[in-house]
N, C-alpha and C. Protein backbone atom coordinates (compact mmCIF):
# COMPACT_ATOMS: atom_id res chain seq x y z
N MET A 1 79.83 123.37 210.46
CA MET A 1 80.11 124.16 209.15
C MET A 1 79.08 122.50 208.29
N THR A 2 77.76 122.89 207.52
CA THR A 2 77.13 122.30 207.37
C THR A 2 77.49 121.39 205.91
N LYS A 3 77.79 120.50 205.74
CA LYS A 3 78.42 120.19 204.07
C LYS A 3 77.44 119.49 203.24
N PRO A 4 78.19 119.79 201.64
CA PRO A 4 77.42 119.96 201.58
C PRO A 4 76.84 119.16 200.43
N SER A 5 75.52 118.34 199.63
CA SER A 5 74.56 117.79 199.24
C SER A 5 74.82 117.86 197.99
N TYR A 6 74.61 116.35 197.65
CA TYR A 6 74.96 115.92 195.90
C TYR A 6 73.24 116.43 195.49
N VAL A 7 72.98 117.18 194.10
CA VAL A 7 71.74 116.85 193.54
C VAL A 7 71.23 115.47 193.31
N ALA A 8 70.26 115.55 194.03
CA ALA A 8 69.69 113.86 193.12
C ALA A 8 68.77 113.96 192.57
N PRO A 9 68.52 113.12 192.15
CA PRO A 9 69.23 112.11 191.21
C PRO A 9 70.11 112.61 190.08
N VAL A 10 71.20 112.42 189.01
CA VAL A 10 72.06 112.87 187.85
C VAL A 10 71.81 111.69 187.11
N VAL A 11 71.72 112.04 186.06
CA VAL A 11 71.51 111.24 185.21
C VAL A 11 72.14 111.87 183.94
N LEU A 12 72.96 111.36 183.72
CA LEU A 12 73.53 111.78 182.04
C LEU A 12 73.05 110.59 180.93
N VAL A 13 72.50 111.72 180.23
CA VAL A 13 71.72 111.18 179.02
C VAL A 13 73.30 111.36 177.44
N VAL A 14 73.41 110.55 177.48
CA VAL A 14 75.04 109.84 176.27
C VAL A 14 74.29 109.63 175.09
N ALA A 15 74.43 110.65 173.76
CA ALA A 15 73.51 110.15 173.26
C ALA A 15 74.96 109.92 172.19
N ALA A 16 74.73 108.69 171.52
CA ALA A 16 76.05 108.02 170.38
C ALA A 16 74.93 107.74 169.03
N LEU A 17 76.01 109.13 167.69
CA LEU A 17 75.55 109.17 167.17
C LEU A 17 75.85 107.86 165.77
N ALA A 18 75.11 107.93 165.47
CA ALA A 18 75.61 107.28 163.75
C ALA A 18 75.09 107.68 162.29
N SER A 19 75.48 106.96 161.09
CA SER A 19 75.03 107.81 160.10
C SER A 19 74.25 107.12 159.34
N THR A 20 72.91 107.06 158.93
CA THR A 20 71.87 106.56 157.72
C THR A 20 72.09 106.85 156.06
N ALA A 21 71.68 106.49 156.07
CA ALA A 21 72.00 106.62 154.46
C ALA A 21 70.45 107.69 153.81
N SER A 22 69.48 107.86 155.24
CA SER A 22 68.82 108.93 155.18
C SER A 22 68.87 110.32 155.85
N ALA A 23 69.49 110.60 156.53
CA ALA A 23 69.43 111.10 157.61
C ALA A 23 71.18 110.96 157.98
N ILE A 24 71.70 112.24 158.06
CA ILE A 24 72.94 112.76 158.77
C ILE A 24 73.31 112.04 160.00
N SER A 25 72.69 111.75 160.94
CA SER A 25 72.66 111.06 162.32
C SER A 25 71.52 111.23 162.90
N ALA A 26 71.54 109.58 164.03
CA ALA A 26 70.79 109.74 164.19
C ALA A 26 70.75 109.63 166.22
N CYS A 27 70.80 109.99 166.95
CA CYS A 27 70.51 109.68 168.30
C CYS A 27 70.44 108.56 168.81
N ALA A 28 71.05 107.60 169.39
CA ALA A 28 70.89 106.72 170.29
C ALA A 28 71.15 106.55 171.73
N PRO A 29 69.59 107.36 172.49
CA PRO A 29 70.65 107.60 174.01
C PRO A 29 70.65 106.32 174.87
N ARG A 30 71.52 106.30 176.12
CA ARG A 30 71.58 105.62 176.86
C ARG A 30 71.95 106.13 178.21
N ILE A 31 71.28 105.53 179.37
CA ILE A 31 71.01 106.44 180.75
C ILE A 31 72.32 105.90 181.36
N VAL A 32 73.16 106.94 182.56
CA VAL A 32 73.78 107.02 183.00
C VAL A 32 73.73 107.42 184.56
N ASP A 33 73.29 106.87 185.17
CA ASP A 33 73.14 107.05 186.91
C ASP A 33 74.69 107.46 186.71
N VAL A 34 74.38 108.43 187.40
CA VAL A 34 75.55 109.12 188.56
C VAL A 34 75.54 109.11 190.05
N GLY A 35 74.38 108.91 190.48
CA GLY A 35 74.51 108.64 191.93
C GLY A 35 73.15 109.36 192.62
N THR A 36 72.43 109.29 193.62
CA THR A 36 72.13 109.69 194.35
C THR A 36 72.58 110.70 195.66
N ASN A 37 71.46 111.09 196.24
CA ASN A 37 72.06 112.19 197.22
C ASN A 37 71.59 111.24 198.58
N ASP A 38 71.40 109.75 198.32
CA ASP A 38 71.03 108.96 199.49
C ASP A 38 72.28 108.31 200.13
N ALA A 39 72.26 108.69 201.10
CA ALA A 39 74.07 108.36 202.23
C ALA A 39 74.01 107.54 202.24
N SER A 40 73.21 106.06 202.00
CA SER A 40 73.17 104.22 202.43
C SER A 40 74.06 104.17 200.81
N PRO A 41 75.03 103.08 201.14
CA PRO A 41 75.69 102.45 200.37
C PRO A 41 74.77 102.17 198.91
N ALA A 42 75.22 102.18 197.72
CA ALA A 42 74.69 101.41 196.64
C ALA A 42 75.35 100.56 195.88
N GLU A 43 75.34 99.85 195.42
CA GLU A 43 75.79 99.20 194.37
C GLU A 43 75.58 99.99 192.50
N PRO A 44 77.00 100.02 192.06
CA PRO A 44 76.71 101.17 191.05
C PRO A 44 76.09 99.72 189.61
N GLY A 45 76.06 100.23 189.07
CA GLY A 45 75.30 99.63 187.57
C GLY A 45 76.14 99.63 186.83
N PRO A 46 76.41 98.32 185.63
CA PRO A 46 77.55 97.82 184.97
C PRO A 46 77.66 98.99 184.12
N THR A 47 76.91 100.57 184.04
CA THR A 47 77.85 101.45 183.23
C THR A 47 76.77 103.10 184.35
N ALA A 48 77.16 102.42 185.30
CA ALA A 48 77.39 103.75 186.39
C ALA A 48 78.63 103.97 186.46
N ILE A 49 78.80 105.92 186.22
CA ILE A 49 79.82 106.59 186.47
C ILE A 49 79.72 107.20 187.48
N ALA A 50 80.45 107.02 188.98
CA ALA A 50 80.71 107.35 190.18
C ALA A 50 81.66 108.59 190.16
N LEU A 51 80.80 110.04 190.63
CA LEU A 51 81.53 111.28 191.31
C LEU A 51 82.55 110.82 192.00
N ASP A 52 83.31 111.97 191.79
CA ASP A 52 84.51 111.58 193.06
C ASP A 52 83.70 112.68 194.14
N SER A 53 84.01 111.24 195.47
CA SER A 53 83.33 111.75 196.79
C SER A 53 83.68 112.82 197.47
N GLY A 54 84.63 114.14 196.82
CA GLY A 54 84.62 115.35 197.17
C GLY A 54 84.36 116.47 195.91
N LEU A 55 84.17 115.53 194.85
CA LEU A 55 83.02 116.89 193.76
C LEU A 55 81.98 116.79 194.24
N SER A 56 81.71 118.40 194.81
CA SER A 56 80.60 118.68 195.78
C SER A 56 80.13 119.79 194.39
N ARG A 57 78.73 119.61 195.17
CA ARG A 57 77.86 120.65 193.77
C ARG A 57 77.54 122.59 194.40
N SER A 58 77.97 122.17 195.45
CA SER A 58 77.51 123.44 196.60
C SER A 58 77.86 124.56 195.67
N GLN A 59 78.49 124.73 194.38
CA GLN A 59 78.53 125.89 193.92
C GLN A 59 78.58 125.32 192.40
N TYR A 60 78.71 124.67 191.94
CA TYR A 60 77.67 124.08 190.41
C TYR A 60 77.39 124.90 189.95
N GLY A 61 77.90 125.29 188.57
CA GLY A 61 77.33 126.36 188.09
C GLY A 61 78.92 126.99 186.60
N CYS A 62 78.50 127.99 186.58
CA CYS A 62 79.23 129.12 185.94
C CYS A 62 79.96 130.28 186.58
N VAL A 63 80.38 130.89 186.24
CA VAL A 63 80.93 132.74 186.98
C VAL A 63 81.10 133.72 186.19
N ASP A 64 80.81 134.49 186.47
CA ASP A 64 80.38 135.67 185.35
C ASP A 64 82.42 136.15 185.46
N LEU A 65 82.85 136.24 183.55
CA LEU A 65 84.20 137.16 183.89
C LEU A 65 84.03 137.88 182.61
N ALA A 66 84.82 139.22 182.72
CA ALA A 66 85.42 140.46 181.12
C ALA A 66 85.53 139.84 181.05
N ASP A 67 85.98 140.18 179.59
CA ASP A 67 87.39 139.61 178.92
C ASP A 67 88.49 140.37 178.79
N ASP A 68 88.47 141.15 179.84
CA ASP A 68 90.07 142.19 180.11
C ASP A 68 90.32 140.51 181.12
N ASP A 69 89.06 140.58 182.42
CA ASP A 69 90.02 139.23 183.02
C ASP A 69 90.25 137.59 182.47
N VAL A 70 89.54 137.56 181.59
CA VAL A 70 90.11 136.40 180.52
C VAL A 70 91.38 136.82 179.90
N ARG A 71 91.86 137.05 179.67
CA ARG A 71 93.04 137.66 178.63
C ARG A 71 93.94 137.28 179.63
N ALA A 72 93.66 138.27 181.18
CA ALA A 72 94.95 138.26 182.12
C ALA A 72 94.93 136.69 182.27
N LEU A 73 94.15 136.41 182.61
CA LEU A 73 94.63 135.07 182.89
C LEU A 73 94.73 134.07 181.56
N ARG A 74 95.45 134.35 180.58
CA ARG A 74 95.38 133.88 178.89
C ARG A 74 96.62 133.65 178.90
N VAL A 75 97.25 135.03 180.22
CA VAL A 75 98.99 135.20 179.77
C VAL A 75 99.52 134.40 179.45
N GLY A 76 100.53 134.09 178.63
CA GLY A 76 101.42 133.33 178.48
C GLY A 76 101.39 132.08 177.27
N ALA A 77 99.87 132.37 176.93
CA ALA A 77 99.01 131.21 175.80
C ALA A 77 99.63 132.02 174.49
N CYS A 78 100.43 130.89 173.80
CA CYS A 78 100.58 130.75 172.29
C CYS A 78 100.40 130.05 171.67
N GLY A 79 99.19 130.59 171.60
CA GLY A 79 99.15 129.34 170.61
C GLY A 79 99.00 128.46 170.43
N GLY A 80 98.41 127.36 169.26
CA GLY A 80 98.81 125.68 168.50
C GLY A 80 98.09 125.22 168.27
N GLN A 81 98.81 124.11 167.55
CA GLN A 81 98.04 123.31 166.19
C GLN A 81 98.14 122.22 166.41
N CYS A 82 97.20 121.44 165.95
CA CYS A 82 96.52 120.23 165.93
C CYS A 82 98.16 118.98 166.14
N THR A 83 98.81 119.51 165.35
CA THR A 83 100.35 119.10 165.23
C THR A 83 101.23 119.04 166.14
N SER A 84 100.99 119.89 167.04
CA SER A 84 101.76 120.62 168.34
C SER A 84 101.89 120.30 169.47
N THR A 85 102.88 119.45 170.00
CA THR A 85 102.55 118.33 171.18
C THR A 85 102.80 119.75 172.84
N PRO A 86 101.23 119.32 172.99
CA PRO A 86 101.33 120.01 174.78
C PRO A 86 102.50 119.55 175.47
N ASP A 87 102.75 120.32 176.40
CA ASP A 87 103.83 120.35 177.35
C ASP A 87 101.98 119.89 178.26
N GLN A 88 103.06 120.13 179.69
CA GLN A 88 102.27 119.31 181.04
C GLN A 88 100.94 120.74 181.34
N PRO A 89 99.68 120.25 181.50
CA PRO A 89 98.50 120.99 181.65
C PRO A 89 98.71 121.93 183.16
N TYR A 90 98.51 122.26 182.68
CA TYR A 90 97.48 123.42 184.19
C TYR A 90 97.26 123.64 184.96
N GLU A 91 97.29 123.99 186.48
CA GLU A 91 96.33 123.80 187.22
C GLU A 91 94.97 124.52 187.37
N LEU A 92 94.03 124.49 186.95
CA LEU A 92 92.85 125.19 186.79
C LEU A 92 92.28 125.44 188.43
N GLU A 93 92.48 126.65 188.91
CA GLU A 93 92.59 127.03 189.93
C GLU A 93 91.50 127.38 191.16
N SER A 94 90.51 127.85 189.86
CA SER A 94 88.94 128.81 190.45
C SER A 94 88.06 128.10 188.84
N LYS A 95 86.82 128.37 189.43
CA LYS A 95 86.05 128.53 187.85
C LYS A 95 86.38 129.85 186.91
N GLN A 96 86.90 130.05 187.99
CA GLN A 96 87.29 131.54 186.56
C GLN A 96 88.23 130.91 185.86
N ALA A 97 89.44 130.35 185.90
CA ALA A 97 90.23 129.64 185.68
C ALA A 97 89.83 129.20 184.33
N VAL A 98 88.83 128.11 184.63
CA VAL A 98 87.96 127.36 183.82
C VAL A 98 87.66 128.17 182.49
N VAL A 99 87.04 129.47 182.70
CA VAL A 99 85.92 130.29 182.27
C VAL A 99 87.31 130.45 181.19
N ALA A 100 88.51 131.24 181.35
CA ALA A 100 89.72 131.77 181.09
C ALA A 100 90.03 131.04 179.88
N ALA A 101 90.41 129.64 180.54
CA ALA A 101 91.44 128.51 179.99
C ALA A 101 90.34 127.61 178.46
N LEU A 102 88.69 127.55 178.43
CA LEU A 102 88.81 126.78 177.33
C LEU A 102 87.90 128.22 176.62
N ALA A 103 87.45 129.50 177.37
CA ALA A 103 87.80 130.82 176.04
C ALA A 103 88.27 130.41 174.43
N GLY A 104 87.09 130.81 173.69
CA GLY A 104 87.48 131.09 173.02
C GLY A 104 87.24 129.80 171.51
N LYS A 105 87.94 130.11 170.41
CA LYS A 105 87.99 128.73 168.83
C LYS A 105 88.83 127.90 168.83
N TRP A 106 87.82 126.73 169.18
CA TRP A 106 89.13 125.54 169.15
C TRP A 106 88.46 124.37 167.91
N MET A 107 89.00 123.38 167.29
CA MET A 107 89.57 123.07 166.31
C MET A 107 89.18 121.65 166.99
N TYR A 108 88.90 120.62 166.82
CA TYR A 108 88.56 119.28 166.35
C TYR A 108 89.94 118.69 165.84
N CYS A 109 90.48 118.35 167.03
CA CYS A 109 91.54 117.60 166.37
C CYS A 109 91.78 116.32 166.06
N ALA A 110 91.25 115.88 167.42
CA ALA A 110 90.80 114.02 167.35
C ALA A 110 88.86 113.81 168.16
N GLY A 111 88.45 113.07 167.43
CA GLY A 111 87.33 113.29 168.51
C GLY A 111 86.34 114.37 168.21
N ALA A 112 84.98 114.36 168.18
CA ALA A 112 84.07 115.51 167.40
C ALA A 112 82.52 115.39 168.74
N LEU A 113 82.21 116.11 168.60
CA LEU A 113 80.99 116.19 169.25
C LEU A 113 79.54 117.48 168.54
N GLY A 114 78.98 117.18 168.67
CA GLY A 114 77.36 118.29 168.33
C GLY A 114 77.52 117.56 166.90
N PRO A 115 77.12 118.66 165.69
CA PRO A 115 75.97 118.18 164.49
C PRO A 115 77.09 117.71 163.67
N ALA A 116 76.80 116.51 163.04
CA ALA A 116 77.89 116.06 161.29
C ALA A 116 79.00 117.06 161.19
N ASP A 117 78.50 117.88 160.54
CA ASP A 117 79.22 119.21 160.27
C ASP A 117 80.29 120.26 161.05
N ALA A 118 80.06 120.16 162.45
CA ALA A 118 80.98 120.96 163.79
C ALA A 118 82.20 120.70 162.84
N ILE A 119 83.48 122.10 162.80
CA ILE A 119 84.56 121.24 163.27
C ILE A 119 85.39 122.08 164.59
N GLY A 120 84.77 122.31 165.11
CA GLY A 120 85.53 123.01 166.50
C GLY A 120 84.24 123.21 167.26
N LEU A 121 84.53 124.22 168.39
CA LEU A 121 83.18 125.23 169.49
C LEU A 121 84.24 126.04 169.51
N GLU A 122 83.19 127.26 169.37
CA GLU A 122 83.31 128.06 170.56
C GLU A 122 83.30 128.44 172.06
N LEU A 123 83.90 128.65 172.96
CA LEU A 123 83.72 128.60 174.37
C LEU A 123 84.14 129.88 174.40
N ALA A 124 82.38 130.20 174.91
CA ALA A 124 82.58 131.91 175.32
C ALA A 124 81.98 132.24 176.79
N PRO A 125 82.42 132.75 177.22
CA PRO A 125 81.85 133.62 178.38
C PRO A 125 80.83 133.60 179.15
N GLY A 126 80.11 133.12 180.35
CA GLY A 126 78.95 132.97 180.81
C GLY A 126 78.46 131.22 180.36
N CYS A 127 79.43 130.62 180.03
CA CYS A 127 79.22 128.98 179.59
C CYS A 127 78.26 128.85 178.69
N ARG A 128 78.18 129.35 177.88
CA ARG A 128 78.31 129.50 176.37
C ARG A 128 78.53 128.35 174.74
N VAL A 129 77.88 127.58 174.68
CA VAL A 129 78.96 127.40 173.63
C VAL A 129 77.88 127.02 172.28
N TYR A 130 79.05 127.74 171.37
CA TYR A 130 78.65 127.23 170.36
C TYR A 130 79.55 126.20 168.69
N PHE A 131 78.95 125.26 168.40
CA PHE A 131 79.25 124.54 167.44
C PHE A 131 80.01 125.55 166.37
N LEU A 132 81.08 125.31 165.17
CA LEU A 132 81.48 126.21 164.98
C LEU A 132 81.31 124.37 163.34
N ARG A 133 81.07 125.84 162.15
CA ARG A 133 81.16 124.75 160.45
C ARG A 133 81.86 125.80 160.21
N LYS A 134 81.90 125.22 158.51
CA LYS A 134 82.60 126.49 157.50
C LYS A 134 81.79 126.73 156.72
N ASP A 135 81.28 128.41 156.17
CA ASP A 135 80.73 129.20 155.31
C ASP A 135 81.04 128.67 154.50
N LEU A 136 80.93 129.38 153.47
CA LEU A 136 81.26 129.21 151.65
C LEU A 136 82.37 129.57 151.28
N ASN A 137 82.87 130.10 152.26
CA ASN A 137 84.15 130.62 152.23
C ASN A 137 85.27 130.19 153.38
N GLY A 138 84.92 128.86 153.91
CA GLY A 138 85.59 128.03 154.66
C GLY A 138 86.67 128.90 155.70
N VAL A 139 85.63 129.55 155.50
CA VAL A 139 86.44 130.28 157.56
C VAL A 139 85.35 129.40 158.45
N ALA A 140 85.70 129.69 159.45
CA ALA A 140 84.58 128.67 160.82
C ALA A 140 84.10 129.52 161.05
N VAL A 141 82.73 129.06 161.62
CA VAL A 141 81.52 130.54 162.30
C VAL A 141 81.00 129.46 162.56
N ARG A 142 79.73 130.36 163.76
CA ARG A 142 79.13 129.89 164.33
C ARG A 142 77.66 129.16 163.56
N GLY A 143 77.46 128.27 164.19
CA GLY A 143 75.90 127.41 162.79
C GLY A 143 75.30 128.19 164.06
N THR A 144 74.56 128.58 163.48
CA THR A 144 72.39 129.57 163.95
C THR A 144 71.76 129.26 164.42
N GLU A 145 71.48 127.20 163.60
CA GLU A 145 69.96 127.17 164.79
C GLU A 145 70.59 126.18 165.88
N ALA A 146 69.68 125.84 166.88
CA ALA A 146 69.54 125.84 168.44
C ALA A 146 70.82 124.67 168.36
N ALA A 147 70.96 123.76 167.23
CA ALA A 147 71.28 122.25 167.58
C ALA A 147 72.75 122.57 167.84
N TYR A 148 73.62 124.15 167.41
CA TYR A 148 74.79 124.28 167.20
C TYR A 148 74.85 125.45 168.91
N GLN A 149 73.82 125.29 169.78
CA GLN A 149 74.48 125.77 170.75
C GLN A 149 74.04 125.75 171.80
N ALA A 150 75.05 125.67 172.67
CA ALA A 150 75.05 124.66 173.91
C ALA A 150 75.83 125.62 175.53
N THR A 151 75.75 125.35 176.09
CA THR A 151 75.86 126.08 178.11
C THR A 151 76.42 125.01 178.66
N TYR A 152 77.32 124.84 179.54
CA TYR A 152 77.87 123.66 180.55
C TYR A 152 78.11 125.00 181.93
N ASP A 153 78.13 123.38 182.62
CA ASP A 153 78.54 124.54 184.23
C ASP A 153 79.95 123.15 184.58
N ILE A 154 80.33 124.23 185.95
CA ILE A 154 81.67 123.66 186.21
C ILE A 154 81.57 122.92 187.87
N TYR A 155 81.90 121.85 187.96
CA TYR A 155 81.83 120.90 189.33
C TYR A 155 82.54 122.69 190.44
N ASP A 156 82.47 122.73 191.51
CA ASP A 156 83.32 123.41 192.51
C ASP A 156 82.94 123.47 193.63
N PRO A 157 83.64 123.20 194.65
CA PRO A 157 84.86 123.34 194.93
C PRO A 157 85.46 121.61 194.41
N ARG A 158 86.43 121.17 194.61
CA ARG A 158 87.31 120.32 193.99
C ARG A 158 87.99 119.30 195.00
N PRO A 159 88.22 117.88 195.13
CA PRO A 159 90.16 117.84 195.83
C PRO A 159 90.64 118.14 195.27
N ALA A 160 91.71 118.23 195.91
CA ALA A 160 93.08 118.56 195.82
C ALA A 160 93.14 117.50 194.44
N GLY A 161 93.41 117.77 193.48
CA GLY A 161 94.38 116.94 192.23
C GLY A 161 93.65 116.42 191.39
N ALA A 162 92.07 115.97 191.91
CA ALA A 162 91.32 115.74 191.50
C ALA A 162 91.22 116.44 189.59
N PRO A 163 90.88 115.89 188.45
CA PRO A 163 91.09 116.63 187.72
C PRO A 163 89.34 117.86 187.39
N ARG A 164 89.92 119.13 186.94
CA ARG A 164 88.48 119.89 187.02
C ARG A 164 87.47 119.15 186.21
N ARG A 165 86.29 119.25 186.25
CA ARG A 165 85.06 118.57 185.70
C ARG A 165 83.86 119.44 185.26
N ILE A 166 83.51 119.21 183.77
CA ILE A 166 82.42 120.41 183.71
C ILE A 166 81.19 119.71 182.88
N ASP A 167 79.92 119.85 183.08
CA ASP A 167 79.03 119.13 182.57
C ASP A 167 78.31 120.24 180.93
N LEU A 168 78.13 119.82 179.78
CA LEU A 168 77.79 120.31 178.33
C LEU A 168 76.64 119.98 178.50
N HIS A 169 75.35 121.16 178.49
CA HIS A 169 74.88 121.02 178.03
C HIS A 169 74.23 121.23 176.35
N LEU A 170 74.23 119.65 176.04
CA LEU A 170 73.43 120.20 174.45
C LEU A 170 71.85 120.54 174.30
N GLU A 171 71.48 120.83 173.05
CA GLU A 171 70.18 121.54 172.59
C GLU A 171 69.05 119.98 173.12
N ASP A 172 69.88 119.58 172.58
CA ASP A 172 68.36 117.81 172.66
C ASP A 172 68.42 117.27 174.20
N GLY A 173 68.66 118.44 175.23
CA GLY A 173 68.77 117.89 176.39
C GLY A 173 69.18 116.89 177.25
N THR A 174 70.64 116.00 175.62
CA THR A 174 71.65 115.41 176.94
C THR A 174 72.96 116.65 177.08
N THR A 175 73.28 115.74 177.93
CA THR A 175 74.50 115.93 179.03
C THR A 175 75.34 115.19 178.85
N VAL A 176 76.66 115.95 179.09
CA VAL A 176 77.72 114.77 179.03
C VAL A 176 78.98 115.61 179.94
N THR A 177 79.47 115.02 180.83
CA THR A 177 80.15 114.91 181.91
C THR A 177 81.92 114.96 181.33
N PHE A 178 82.97 116.32 181.07
CA PHE A 178 83.97 115.82 180.44
C PHE A 178 85.07 116.83 181.82
N ASP A 179 85.93 115.58 181.74
CA ASP A 179 87.28 116.38 182.67
C ASP A 179 88.11 117.34 181.35
N VAL A 180 88.59 118.05 182.42
CA VAL A 180 88.98 119.56 181.52
C VAL A 180 90.98 118.72 181.69
N ALA A 181 91.00 119.47 180.32
CA ALA A 181 92.90 119.21 181.10
C ALA A 181 93.14 120.34 179.91
N ALA A 182 94.16 121.27 180.94
CA ALA A 182 94.43 122.80 179.12
C ALA A 182 95.40 123.08 179.31
N HIS A 183 96.22 123.11 178.04
CA HIS A 183 97.48 123.74 178.13
C HIS A 183 97.27 125.22 177.46
N ARG A 184 98.99 125.77 178.29
CA ARG A 184 99.26 127.24 177.66
C ARG A 184 100.55 127.37 176.43
N CYS A 185 100.73 126.58 176.70
CA CYS A 185 101.92 126.76 175.62
C CYS A 185 102.87 125.84 175.14
N PRO A 186 102.09 125.20 173.64
CA PRO A 186 101.44 125.32 173.21
C PRO A 186 100.18 125.16 173.40
N GLU A 187 99.22 126.27 173.22
CA GLU A 187 97.89 125.85 173.21
C GLU A 187 96.78 124.32 172.54
N HIS A 188 96.33 124.11 173.78
CA HIS A 188 95.55 122.51 173.49
C HIS A 188 94.69 121.87 175.09
N LEU A 189 93.65 122.07 173.99
CA LEU A 189 92.27 121.68 175.27
C LEU A 189 92.04 120.08 174.83
N GLN A 190 91.83 119.28 176.44
CA GLN A 190 91.39 117.40 176.22
C GLN A 190 89.99 118.32 176.90
N LEU A 191 88.96 117.44 176.27
CA LEU A 191 88.06 116.79 177.37
C LEU A 191 87.73 115.55 177.03
N ALA A 192 87.30 114.70 178.64
CA ALA A 192 87.73 113.19 178.45
C ALA A 192 86.20 112.76 179.00
N SER A 193 85.89 111.76 178.73
CA SER A 193 84.76 111.69 179.12
C SER A 193 84.56 110.01 178.56
N LEU A 194 83.85 109.16 179.49
CA LEU A 194 83.47 107.64 179.03
C LEU A 194 85.05 106.72 178.50
N GLY A 195 86.00 107.17 178.43
CA GLY A 195 86.78 106.66 178.51
C GLY A 195 87.75 107.08 176.65
N ARG A 196 86.73 108.19 177.17
CA ARG A 196 87.44 109.14 175.47
C ARG A 196 87.54 110.30 175.66
N THR A 197 88.29 110.95 174.30
CA THR A 197 88.68 112.43 174.50
C THR A 197 88.30 113.13 172.81
N ILE A 198 88.46 113.98 173.37
CA ILE A 198 87.87 115.10 172.34
C ILE A 198 89.88 115.88 172.01
N GLU A 199 90.35 116.00 171.92
CA GLU A 199 91.35 116.81 171.71
C GLU A 199 91.60 118.09 170.77
N LEU A 200 91.78 118.88 171.28
CA LEU A 200 91.06 120.68 170.52
C LEU A 200 92.62 121.82 170.31
N ALA A 201 93.29 122.71 168.86
CA ALA A 201 94.11 123.18 169.23
C ALA A 201 92.72 124.81 168.94
N PRO A 202 93.98 125.71 168.52
CA PRO A 202 93.15 126.78 168.53
C PRO A 202 93.34 127.56 167.16
N ASP A 203 94.79 125.92 166.63
CA ASP A 203 94.69 126.89 165.11
C ASP A 203 93.76 126.50 164.08
N PHE A 204 92.82 127.46 163.06
CA PHE A 204 91.61 126.81 162.38
C PHE A 204 92.45 126.24 160.50
N GLY A 205 93.86 126.23 160.42
CA GLY A 205 94.53 126.46 159.58
C GLY A 205 94.35 124.75 159.26
N ASP A 206 94.65 124.27 157.99
CA ASP A 206 94.17 123.01 157.58
C ASP A 206 95.39 121.90 157.19
N ALA A 207 96.53 122.90 157.26
CA ALA A 207 98.21 121.71 157.60
C ALA A 207 97.70 120.72 158.97
N GLY A 208 97.93 119.49 158.44
CA GLY A 208 98.08 118.79 159.99
C GLY A 208 96.76 118.66 160.58
N ARG A 209 95.46 118.35 159.92
CA ARG A 209 94.03 118.73 160.69
C ARG A 209 93.99 117.05 160.58
N PRO A 210 93.38 116.03 160.82
CA PRO A 210 93.05 115.03 160.90
C PRO A 210 91.22 114.96 160.37
N ASP A 211 90.79 113.94 159.76
CA ASP A 211 89.29 113.96 160.00
C ASP A 211 88.89 113.96 161.12
N PRO A 212 88.00 114.33 161.07
CA PRO A 212 87.06 114.40 162.55
C PRO A 212 86.68 113.30 163.01
N VAL A 213 86.71 112.55 164.11
CA VAL A 213 85.69 110.91 163.87
C VAL A 213 85.20 111.72 165.71
N ALA A 214 83.91 111.15 165.10
CA ALA A 214 82.65 111.40 165.53
C ALA A 214 82.73 110.60 167.17
N PHE A 215 82.20 111.65 168.21
CA PHE A 215 82.88 111.26 169.83
C PHE A 215 81.17 110.73 169.46
N ARG A 216 81.35 109.55 170.70
CA ARG A 216 80.80 108.55 171.14
C ARG A 216 80.64 107.76 172.48
């Protein structure tokens, strides 16, 4: 059986967000080399993130999932707030389980990503991502501009015990790799990258909601 190869080379451009007096934010990209398909040993650079050797990209991508399938895979979910204390994360055994676990509207509890006024994410079947902001009535809605839309891909298969991992592709061409941890009851989601974690919960009430901190 032919062993799947990695896509070569893979480069993540991680944007650092900075505020100025004349603009809401500006991006200062830095390049993070995550390896090539060259079998020869290579010394990683000081900012390199080495992919786990078993994280094959042979089935890298998305997966189709109907709304009924999402609901079936989310049985036992009971909602959650930023102030909730999540139990241990549950196992995301398949790409379908990842799509189902991520599906829905999530509010930033700590950390943030996307446009400066984004208060959370909506992750939809088809691996689509919409950044959410408040409308004039204070309701969380999808931003309509291109900057408020993104997609993601799932790494699959993965070694036993390794975290689920996704690539989030932003509209400006930036790709950020996240390890995913999902909690069922109370519902909570963590997206971890470069030593920082975005914490998300599904309750958009203002009670207990800290001010978002820009993800850098």
